[in-house]
Amino acid sequence: MFAATSAAGTATPKLSVEHARKSFRQANGADVAAIADLSFTVRAGEYVAIVGPTGAGKSVLLDCLLGLKTLDAGQILIDGRPVQNFVREKKGHITRIFQEDRLLPWLSANDNAAIGLQMQGVAEKERRATAARWLDAVGLSSFKEALPSELSGGMRQRVNIARAFAPDPELVLLDEAFSALDDVTATRLRQDFKTLAQAQSTTFLIVTHSIDEAIFLADRILVFGAPARLMAEIAVPSRAFEDRAISDQIKDEVRRLIAAGARVQ
């Protein structure tokens, strides 16, 4: 068994979700819960993956973390402050890498990577220089002026990663970031992302349907039920991805929990 409780210590967690609840009204007038009494914490600099069945409210939670949706009850705190205050006061310090690259088709790779910096009010010369450095870091040195239509899917996602890192974020949200890519491209991009991420003083929350990806990227896996509620926390030992026995044991436990979470409505 790998179940573990969060060990936030005495320091204020980077992220704290406390008894969060969120429902939506259907066309027939019925309320459907997306998030049901969800609580967990994430320490500064930690890599935490979220897995769960369809309907576990994972993307809804990320919307709430960005201030795009509001909870019906409970609260989300960043550095002990309500998330709405953090988002308003520290623009661009929470970024999100989507499954789709969501690049603006009329902008170059450099200008797309600089969007977050533009939102922060960074001067054009500085933001283009910063974006260029991040495009170099993700291996796109020769494609800074290319339009999205001139890039492969993997290259567009590299621009998306550069855009997420360029504003020097404190929290990066990965929303099925590699699931739209073929296996070879996704594997290479995950490794490059991990290498890049480990050089930053940043906290990562990784939503994924791939248990292998969760084991490869995360220090800890949160297993959600549907609607979103915390069923278990699983610590990921160092180099667990390379140890077949440990990796298989974690995967079996996660699959069991996901199946149980999908049955309980």
C-alpha atoms as a PDB file:
ATOM      1  CA  MET A   1       0.000   0.000   0.000  1.00  0.00           C
ATOM      2  CA  PHE A   2       1.249   3.454  -0.889  1.00  0.00           C
ATOM      3  CA  ALA A   3      -1.500   5.562   0.688  1.00  0.00           C
ATOM      4  CA  ALA A   4      -0.048   8.560   2.502  1.00  0.00           C
ATOM      5  CA  THR A   5      -1.284  11.689   4.182  1.00  0.00           C
ATOM      6  CA  SER A   6      -0.033  15.102   3.132  1.00  0.00           C
ATOM      7  CA  ALA A   7       2.864  16.353   5.232  1.00  0.00           C
ATOM      8  CA  ALA A   8       2.610  20.107   4.873  1.00  0.00           C
ATOM      9  CA  GLY A   9       4.424  20.684   8.173  1.00  0.00           C
ATOM     10  CA  THR A  10       4.059  23.993   9.987  1.00  0.00           C
ATOM     11  CA  ALA A  11       4.643  26.129   6.892  1.00  0.00           C
ATOM     12  CA  THR A  12       1.677  27.581   5.066  1.00  0.00           C
ATOM     13  CA  PRO A  13       0.883  25.346   2.062  1.00  0.00           C
ATOM     14  CA  LYS A  14       1.308  26.849  -1.363  1.00  0.00           C
ATOM     15  CA  LEU A  15      -2.163  25.615  -2.249  1.00  0.00           C
ATOM     16  CA  SER A  16      -4.938  24.685   0.139  1.00  0.00           C
ATOM     17  CA  VAL A  17      -8.362  23.442  -0.970  1.00  0.00           C
ATOM     18  CA  GLU A  18     -10.745  23.359   1.995  1.00  0.00           C
ATOM     19  CA  HIS A  19     -14.152  21.636   1.875  1.00  0.00           C
ATOM     20  CA  ALA A  20     -14.714  22.809  -1.699  1.00  0.00           C
ATOM     21  CA  ARG A  21     -18.116  22.210  -3.314  1.00  0.00           C
ATOM     22  CA  LYS A  22     -19.322  23.106  -6.806  1.00  0.00           C
ATOM     23  CA  SER A  23     -22.546  22.116  -8.611  1.00  0.00           C
ATOM     24  CA  PHE A  24     -24.091  22.971 -11.966  1.00  0.00           C
ATOM     25  CA  ARG A  25     -27.749  23.334 -12.909  1.00  0.00           C
ATOM     26  CA  GLN A  26     -28.821  21.111 -15.812  1.00  0.00           C
ATOM     27  CA  ALA A  27     -31.414  22.077 -18.418  1.00  0.00           C
ATOM     28  CA  ASN A  28     -34.003  19.938 -16.613  1.00  0.00           C
ATOM     29  CA  GLY A  29     -33.450  21.948 -13.445  1.00  0.00           C
ATOM     30  CA  ALA A  30     -31.535  19.242 -11.576  1.00  0.00           C
ATOM     31  CA  ASP A  31     -28.287  20.139  -9.769  1.00  0.00           C
ATOM     32  CA  VAL A  32     -25.273  17.961 -10.579  1.00  0.00           C
ATOM     33  CA  ALA A  33     -22.270  18.047  -8.267  1.00  0.00           C
ATOM     34  CA  ALA A  34     -18.837  18.478  -9.889  1.00  0.00           C
ATOM     35  CA  ILE A  35     -16.895  18.923  -6.631  1.00  0.00           C
ATOM     36  CA  ALA A  36     -18.094  17.402  -3.357  1.00  0.00           C
ATOM     37  CA  ASP A  37     -16.399  18.344  -0.057  1.00  0.00           C
ATOM     38  CA  LEU A  38     -12.884  18.284  -1.494  1.00  0.00           C
ATOM     39  CA  SER A  39      -9.888  19.084   0.711  1.00  0.00           C
ATOM     40  CA  PHE A  40      -6.148  18.763   0.093  1.00  0.00           C
ATOM     41  CA  THR A  41      -2.917  20.775   0.311  1.00  0.00           C
ATOM     42  CA  VAL A  42       0.147  21.159  -1.898  1.00  0.00           C
ATOM     43  CA  ARG A  43       3.519  22.303  -0.581  1.00  0.00           C
ATOM     44  CA  ALA A  44       5.636  24.905  -2.371  1.00  0.00           C
ATOM     45  CA  GLY A  45       7.830  23.226  -4.968  1.00  0.00           C
ATOM     46  CA  GLU A  46       5.851  19.985  -4.897  1.00  0.00           C
ATOM     47  CA  TYR A  47       4.722  18.054  -7.980  1.00  0.00           C
ATOM     48  CA  VAL A  48       1.234  16.654  -7.361  1.00  0.00           C
ATOM     49  CA  ALA A  49      -0.788  14.639  -9.880  1.00  0.00           C
ATOM     50  CA  ILE A  50      -4.580  14.287  -9.850  1.00  0.00           C
ATOM     51  CA  VAL A  51      -6.192  11.203 -11.371  1.00  0.00           C
ATOM     52  CA  GLY A  52      -9.765  10.003 -11.303  1.00  0.00           C
ATOM     53  CA  PRO A  53     -12.689   8.709 -13.344  1.00  0.00           C
ATOM     54  CA  THR A  54     -14.622  10.713 -15.892  1.00  0.00           C
ATOM     55  CA  GLY A  55     -16.826  13.233 -14.115  1.00  0.00           C
ATOM     56  CA  ALA A  56     -14.416  13.698 -11.216  1.00  0.00           C
ATOM     57  CA  GLY A  57     -14.436  17.488 -11.620  1.00  0.00           C
ATOM     58  CA  LYS A  58     -10.716  17.768 -12.332  1.00  0.00           C
ATOM     59  CA  SER A  59     -10.918  20.477 -14.996  1.00  0.00           C
ATOM     60  CA  VAL A  60     -13.607  22.316 -13.011  1.00  0.00           C
ATOM     61  CA  LEU A  61     -11.172  22.462 -10.102  1.00  0.00           C
ATOM     62  CA  LEU A  62      -8.493  23.985 -12.354  1.00  0.00           C
ATOM     63  CA  ASP A  63     -11.004  26.601 -13.534  1.00  0.00           C
ATOM     64  CA  CYS A  64     -11.635  27.477  -9.888  1.00  0.00           C
ATOM     65  CA  LEU A  65      -7.888  27.714  -9.221  1.00  0.00           C
ATOM     66  CA  LEU A  66      -7.623  30.288 -12.004  1.00  0.00           C
ATOM     67  CA  GLY A  67     -10.604  32.250 -10.721  1.00  0.00           C
ATOM     68  CA  LEU A  68     -12.642  31.380 -13.833  1.00  0.00           C
ATOM     69  CA  LYS A  69     -15.309  29.674 -11.724  1.00  0.00           C
ATOM     70  CA  THR A  70     -16.313  30.236  -8.108  1.00  0.00           C
ATOM     71  CA  LEU A  71     -17.085  27.597  -5.510  1.00  0.00           C
ATOM     72  CA  ASP A  72     -20.531  27.174  -4.014  1.00  0.00           C
ATOM     73  CA  ALA A  73     -18.950  26.452  -0.634  1.00  0.00           C
ATOM     74  CA  GLY A  74     -15.509  26.043   0.922  1.00  0.00           C
ATOM     75  CA  GLN A  75     -12.413  27.939  -0.156  1.00  0.00           C
ATOM     76  CA  ILE A  76      -9.200  27.765  -2.152  1.00  0.00           C
ATOM     77  CA  LEU A  77      -6.141  29.503  -0.713  1.00  0.00           C
ATOM     78  CA  ILE A  78      -2.813  30.326  -2.374  1.00  0.00           C
ATOM     79  CA  ASP A  79      -0.131  31.209   0.178  1.00  0.00           C
ATOM     80  CA  GLY A  80      -2.949  31.528   2.707  1.00  0.00           C
ATOM     81  CA  ARG A  81      -4.871  34.074   0.597  1.00  0.00           C
ATOM     82  CA  PRO A  82      -8.188  33.513  -1.222  1.00  0.00           C
ATOM     83  CA  VAL A  83      -7.461  32.467  -4.781  1.00  0.00           C
ATOM     84  CA  GLN A  84      -9.484  35.376  -6.208  1.00  0.00           C
ATOM     85  CA  ASN A  85      -7.204  37.837  -4.390  1.00  0.00           C
ATOM     86  CA  PHE A  86      -4.059  36.029  -5.535  1.00  0.00           C
ATOM     87  CA  VAL A  87      -5.167  35.961  -9.193  1.00  0.00           C
ATOM     88  CA  ARG A  88      -6.101  39.651  -9.101  1.00  0.00           C
ATOM     89  CA  GLU A  89      -2.960  40.840  -7.339  1.00  0.00           C
ATOM     90  CA  LYS A  90      -0.387  38.578  -9.017  1.00  0.00           C
ATOM     91  CA  LYS A  91      -1.391  38.340 -12.674  1.00  0.00           C
ATOM     92  CA  GLY A  92       0.204  35.511 -14.584  1.00  0.00           C
ATOM     93  CA  HIS A  93       1.564  33.751 -11.504  1.00  0.00           C
ATOM     94  CA  ILE A  94      -0.770  30.799 -12.072  1.00  0.00           C
ATOM     95  CA  THR A  95      -0.472  29.368 -15.583  1.00  0.00           C
ATOM     96  CA  ARG A  96      -2.144  26.445 -17.325  1.00  0.00           C
ATOM     97  CA  ILE A  97      -0.954  24.066 -20.020  1.00  0.00           C
ATOM     98  CA  PHE A  98      -3.964  22.639 -21.835  1.00  0.00           C
ATOM     99  CA  GLN A  99      -4.382  19.461 -23.840  1.00  0.00           C
ATOM    100  CA  GLU A 100      -4.868  21.670 -26.914  1.00  0.00           C
ATOM    101  CA  ASP A 101      -2.143  24.241 -27.519  1.00  0.00           C
ATOM    102  CA  ARG A 102      -4.663  27.149 -27.830  1.00  0.00           C
ATOM    103  CA  LEU A 103      -2.164  29.305 -29.669  1.00  0.00           C
ATOM    104  CA  LEU A 104      -3.414  32.392 -31.484  1.00  0.00           C
ATOM    105  CA  PRO A 105      -3.053  31.471 -35.186  1.00  0.00           C
ATOM    106  CA  TRP A 106      -2.147  34.976 -36.366  1.00  0.00           C
ATOM    107  CA  LEU A 107       0.769  35.354 -33.925  1.00  0.00           C
ATOM    108  CA  SER A 108       4.300  33.992 -34.228  1.00  0.00           C
ATOM    109  CA  ALA A 109       5.659  31.444 -31.767  1.00  0.00           C
ATOM    110  CA  ASN A 110       7.524  34.254 -30.017  1.00  0.00           C
ATOM    111  CA  ASP A 111       4.446  36.456 -29.673  1.00  0.00           C
ATOM    112  CA  ASN A 112       2.341  33.523 -28.491  1.00  0.00           C
ATOM    113  CA  ALA A 113       4.938  32.658 -25.851  1.00  0.00           C
ATOM    114  CA  ALA A 114       4.919  36.296 -24.697  1.00  0.00           C
ATOM    115  CA  ILE A 115       1.153  36.586 -24.111  1.00  0.00           C
ATOM    116  CA  GLY A 116       1.360  36.074 -20.342  1.00  0.00           C
ATOM    117  CA  LEU A 117       4.081  38.695 -20.077  1.00  0.00           C
ATOM    118  CA  GLN A 118       1.962  41.117 -22.086  1.00  0.00           C
ATOM    119  CA  MET A 119      -0.895  40.571 -19.614  1.00  0.00           C
ATOM    120  CA  GLN A 120       1.542  41.434 -16.830  1.00  0.00           C
ATOM    121  CA  GLY A 121       2.351  44.736 -18.538  1.00  0.00           C
ATOM    122  CA  VAL A 122       5.932  43.838 -19.479  1.00  0.00           C
ATOM    123  CA  ALA A 123       7.363  46.112 -22.177  1.00  0.00           C
ATOM    124  CA  GLU A 124       7.459  44.657 -25.685  1.00  0.00           C
ATOM    125  CA  LYS A 125      11.234  44.417 -26.041  1.00  0.00           C
ATOM    126  CA  GLU A 126      11.632  42.680 -22.689  1.00  0.00           C
ATOM    127  CA  ARG A 127       8.746  40.275 -23.170  1.00  0.00           C
ATOM    128  CA  ARG A 128       9.931  39.249 -26.633  1.00  0.00           C
ATOM    129  CA  ALA A 129      13.436  38.641 -25.285  1.00  0.00           C
ATOM    130  CA  THR A 130      12.087  36.572 -22.385  1.00  0.00           C
ATOM    131  CA  ALA A 131       9.816  34.574 -24.696  1.00  0.00           C
ATOM    132  CA  ALA A 132      12.758  33.962 -27.029  1.00  0.00           C
ATOM    133  CA  ARG A 133      14.820  32.530 -24.157  1.00  0.00           C
ATOM    134  CA  TRP A 134      12.041  30.123 -23.279  1.00  0.00           C
ATOM    135  CA  LEU A 135      11.615  29.057 -26.888  1.00  0.00           C
ATOM    136  CA  ASP A 136      15.337  28.317 -26.878  1.00  0.00           C
ATOM    137  CA  ALA A 137      14.855  26.285 -23.695  1.00  0.00           C
ATOM    138  CA  VAL A 138      12.122  24.130 -25.250  1.00  0.00           C
ATOM    139  CA  GLY A 139      14.146  23.504 -28.409  1.00  0.00           C
ATOM    140  CA  LEU A 140      12.493  25.952 -30.805  1.00  0.00           C
ATOM    141  CA  SER A 141      15.394  28.310 -31.447  1.00  0.00           C
ATOM    142  CA  SER A 142      14.870  28.172 -35.210  1.00  0.00           C
ATOM    143  CA  PHE A 143      11.093  28.616 -35.121  1.00  0.00           C
ATOM    144  CA  LYS A 144      10.560  31.832 -33.170  1.00  0.00           C
ATOM    145  CA  GLU A 145       8.824  33.628 -36.037  1.00  0.00           C
ATOM    146  CA  ALA A 146       6.856  30.607 -37.280  1.00  0.00           C
ATOM    147  CA  LEU A 147       3.073  30.695 -37.184  1.00  0.00           C
ATOM    148  CA  PRO A 148       1.238  27.853 -35.398  1.00  0.00           C
ATOM    149  CA  SER A 149       0.114  26.447 -38.769  1.00  0.00           C
ATOM    150  CA  GLU A 150       3.780  25.963 -39.654  1.00  0.00           C
ATOM    151  CA  LEU A 151       4.518  23.871 -36.541  1.00  0.00           C
ATOM    152  CA  SER A 152       3.834  20.222 -35.703  1.00  0.00           C
ATOM    153  CA  GLY A 153       1.586  19.291 -32.794  1.00  0.00           C
ATOM    154  CA  GLY A 154       4.549  18.613 -30.538  1.00  0.00           C
ATOM    155  CA  MET A 155       6.179  21.910 -31.487  1.00  0.00           C
ATOM    156  CA  ARG A 156       2.968  23.824 -30.789  1.00  0.00           C
ATOM    157  CA  GLN A 157       2.810  22.220 -27.358  1.00  0.00           C
ATOM    158  CA  ARG A 158       6.414  23.294 -26.761  1.00  0.00           C
ATOM    159  CA  VAL A 159       5.317  26.873 -27.466  1.00  0.00           C
ATOM    160  CA  ASN A 160       2.515  26.333 -24.963  1.00  0.00           C
ATOM    161  CA  ILE A 161       5.057  25.201 -22.352  1.00  0.00           C
ATOM    162  CA  ALA A 162       7.260  28.223 -23.068  1.00  0.00           C
ATOM    163  CA  ARG A 163       4.206  30.479 -22.674  1.00  0.00           C
ATOM    164  CA  ALA A 164       3.399  28.888 -19.310  1.00  0.00           C
ATOM    165  CA  PHE A 165       6.936  29.339 -17.946  1.00  0.00           C
ATOM    166  CA  ALA A 166       7.716  32.789 -19.365  1.00  0.00           C
ATOM    167  CA  PRO A 167       5.805  34.828 -16.703  1.00  0.00           C
ATOM    168  CA  ASP A 168       7.845  33.133 -13.916  1.00  0.00           C
ATOM    169  CA  PRO A 169       4.746  31.472 -12.398  1.00  0.00           C
ATOM    170  CA  GLU A 170       4.420  30.255  -8.837  1.00  0.00           C
ATOM    171  CA  LEU A 171       1.921  27.527  -9.748  1.00  0.00           C
ATOM    172  CA  VAL A 172       1.681  25.680 -13.071  1.00  0.00           C
ATOM    173  CA  LEU A 173      -1.443  23.654 -13.865  1.00  0.00           C
ATOM    174  CA  LEU A 174      -1.138  20.828 -16.395  1.00  0.00           C
ATOM    175  CA  ASP A 175      -4.532  19.875 -17.839  1.00  0.00           C
ATOM    176  CA  GLU A 176      -4.003  16.601 -19.753  1.00  0.00           C
ATOM    177  CA  ALA A 177      -1.066  18.452 -21.300  1.00  0.00           C
ATOM    178  CA  PHE A 178       0.392  15.546 -23.311  1.00  0.00           C
ATOM    179  CA  SER A 179      -2.676  13.416 -24.036  1.00  0.00           C
ATOM    180  CA  ALA A 180      -3.313  14.781 -27.557  1.00  0.00           C
ATOM    181  CA  LEU A 181       0.161  13.761 -28.782  1.00  0.00           C
ATOM    182  CA  ASP A 182       1.334  10.436 -30.196  1.00  0.00           C
ATOM    183  CA  ASP A 183       3.159   8.187 -27.744  1.00  0.00           C
ATOM    184  CA  VAL A 184       6.671   8.905 -29.033  1.00  0.00           C
ATOM    185  CA  THR A 185       6.182  12.684 -29.039  1.00  0.00           C
ATOM    186  CA  ALA A 186       4.432  12.646 -25.651  1.00  0.00           C
ATOM    187  CA  THR A 187       7.222  10.591 -24.050  1.00  0.00           C
ATOM    188  CA  ARG A 188       9.912  12.930 -25.368  1.00  0.00           C
ATOM    189  CA  LEU A 189       7.984  16.031 -24.354  1.00  0.00           C
ATOM    190  CA  ARG A 190       7.286  14.738 -20.836  1.00  0.00           C
ATOM    191  CA  GLN A 191      11.017  14.139 -20.324  1.00  0.00           C
ATOM    192  CA  ASP A 192      11.926  17.569 -21.682  1.00  0.00           C
ATOM    193  CA  PHE A 193       9.219  19.177 -19.562  1.00  0.00           C
ATOM    194  CA  LYS A 194      10.425  17.428 -16.407  1.00  0.00           C
ATOM    195  CA  THR A 195      14.026  18.485 -17.030  1.00  0.00           C
ATOM    196  CA  LEU A 196      12.906  22.069 -17.573  1.00  0.00           C
ATOM    197  CA  ALA A 197      10.548  22.071 -14.597  1.00  0.00           C
ATOM    198  CA  GLN A 198      13.152  20.752 -12.175  1.00  0.00           C
ATOM    199  CA  ALA A 199      15.292  23.827 -12.853  1.00  0.00           C
ATOM    200  CA  GLN A 200      12.476  26.134 -11.652  1.00  0.00           C
ATOM    201  CA  SER A 201      11.267  27.041  -8.158  1.00  0.00           C
ATOM    202  CA  THR A 202       7.690  26.313  -9.112  1.00  0.00           C
ATOM    203  CA  THR A 203       4.783  24.216  -7.828  1.00  0.00           C
ATOM    204  CA  PHE A 204       3.004  21.872 -10.241  1.00  0.00           C
ATOM    205  CA  LEU A 205      -0.515  20.437 -10.192  1.00  0.00           C
ATOM    206  CA  ILE A 206      -0.873  17.809 -12.907  1.00  0.00           C
ATOM    207  CA  VAL A 207      -4.285  16.552 -14.047  1.00  0.00           C
ATOM    208  CA  THR A 208      -3.870  13.423 -16.150  1.00  0.00           C
ATOM    209  CA  HIS A 209      -5.702  10.245 -17.114  1.00  0.00           C
ATOM    210  CA  SER A 210      -2.336   8.484 -17.541  1.00  0.00           C
ATOM    211  CA  ILE A 211      -1.152   6.746 -14.379  1.00  0.00           C
ATOM    212  CA  ASP A 212       2.263   6.236 -15.974  1.00  0.00           C
ATOM    213  CA  GLU A 213       2.517   9.996 -16.513  1.00  0.00           C
ATOM    214  CA  ALA A 214       1.499  10.652 -12.900  1.00  0.00           C
ATOM    215  CA  ILE A 215       4.194   8.293 -11.619  1.00  0.00           C
ATOM    216  CA  PHE A 216       6.822   9.819 -13.938  1.00  0.00           C
ATOM    217  CA  LEU A 217       6.105  13.469 -13.099  1.00  0.00           C
ATOM    218  CA  ALA A 218       4.709  13.579  -9.564  1.00  0.00           C
ATOM    219  CA  ASP A 219       5.940  13.302  -5.989  1.00  0.00           C
ATOM    220  CA  ARG A 220       2.420  12.466  -4.870  1.00  0.00           C
ATOM    221  CA  ILE A 221      -0.776  11.270  -6.546  1.00  0.00           C
ATOM    222  CA  LEU A 222      -4.239  12.389  -5.423  1.00  0.00           C
ATOM    223  CA  VAL A 223      -6.979   9.964  -6.438  1.00  0.00           C
ATOM    224  CA  PHE A 224     -10.365  11.654  -6.897  1.00  0.00           C
ATOM    225  CA  GLY A 225     -13.767  10.047  -6.931  1.00  0.00           C
ATOM    226  CA  ALA A 226     -16.716  11.343  -8.931  1.00  0.00           C
ATOM    227  CA  PRO A 227     -17.869  13.971  -8.091  1.00  0.00           C
ATOM    228  CA  ALA A 228     -14.507  15.369  -6.965  1.00  0.00           C
ATOM    229  CA  ARG A 229     -13.604  14.169  -3.497  1.00  0.00           C
ATOM    230  CA  LEU A 230     -10.278  12.905  -2.221  1.00  0.00           C
ATOM    231  CA  MET A 231     -10.243   9.128  -1.971  1.00  0.00           C
ATOM    232  CA  ALA A 232      -6.538   8.631  -1.290  1.00  0.00           C
ATOM    233  CA  GLU A 233      -3.084  10.184  -1.475  1.00  0.00           C
ATOM    234  CA  ILE A 234      -0.280   8.008  -2.772  1.00  0.00           C
ATOM    235  CA  ALA A 235       3.351   8.951  -2.259  1.00  0.00           C
ATOM    236  CA  VAL A 236       5.544   8.227  -5.280  1.00  0.00           C
ATOM    237  CA  PRO A 237       8.982   6.983  -4.182  1.00  0.00           C
ATOM    238  CA  SER A 238      12.041   8.358  -5.904  1.00  0.00           C
ATOM    239  CA  ARG A 239      12.721   6.588  -9.225  1.00  0.00           C
ATOM    240  CA  ALA A 240       9.459   4.637  -8.917  1.00  0.00           C
ATOM    241  CA  PHE A 241       8.952   5.006 -12.668  1.00  0.00           C
ATOM    242  CA  GLU A 242      12.150   3.039 -13.346  1.00  0.00           C
ATOM    243  CA  ASP A 243      11.296   0.298 -10.811  1.00  0.00           C
ATOM    244  CA  ARG A 244       8.779  -1.986 -12.532  1.00  0.00           C
ATOM    245  CA  ALA A 245       7.622  -3.699  -9.333  1.00  0.00           C
ATOM    246  CA  ILE A 246       6.948  -0.437  -7.481  1.00  0.00           C
ATOM    247  CA  SER A 247       5.367   1.175 -10.543  1.00  0.00           C
ATOM    248  CA  ASP A 248       3.038  -1.775 -11.117  1.00  0.00           C
ATOM    249  CA  GLN A 249       2.002  -1.801  -7.462  1.00  0.00           C
ATOM    250  CA  ILE A 250       1.129   1.902  -7.573  1.00  0.00           C
ATOM    251  CA  LYS A 251      -0.795   1.467 -10.827  1.00  0.00           C
ATOM    252  CA  ASP A 252      -2.815  -1.443  -9.413  1.00  0.00           C
ATOM    253  CA  GLU A 253      -3.713   0.581  -6.323  1.00  0.00           C
ATOM    254  CA  VAL A 254      -4.678   3.656  -8.340  1.00  0.00           C
ATOM    255  CA  ARG A 255      -6.810   1.617 -10.749  1.00  0.00           C
ATOM    256  CA  ARG A 256      -8.621  -0.010  -7.830  1.00  0.00           C
ATOM    257  CA  LEU A 257      -9.361   3.366  -6.278  1.00  0.00           C
ATOM    258  CA  ILE A 258     -10.516   4.923  -9.563  1.00  0.00           C
ATOM    259  CA  ALA A 259     -12.884   2.022 -10.153  1.00  0.00           C
ATOM    260  CA  ALA A 260     -14.286   2.400  -6.659  1.00  0.00           C
ATOM    261  CA  GLY A 261     -14.674   6.155  -7.116  1.00  0.00           C
ATOM    262  CA  ALA A 262     -16.520   5.738 -10.401  1.00  0.00           C
ATOM    263  CA  ARG A 263     -19.080   3.416  -8.828  1.00  0.00           C
ATOM    264  CA  VAL A 264     -19.981   5.669  -5.922  1.00  0.00           C
ATOM    265  CA  GLN A 265     -22.196   8.556  -7.146  1.00  0.00           C
END
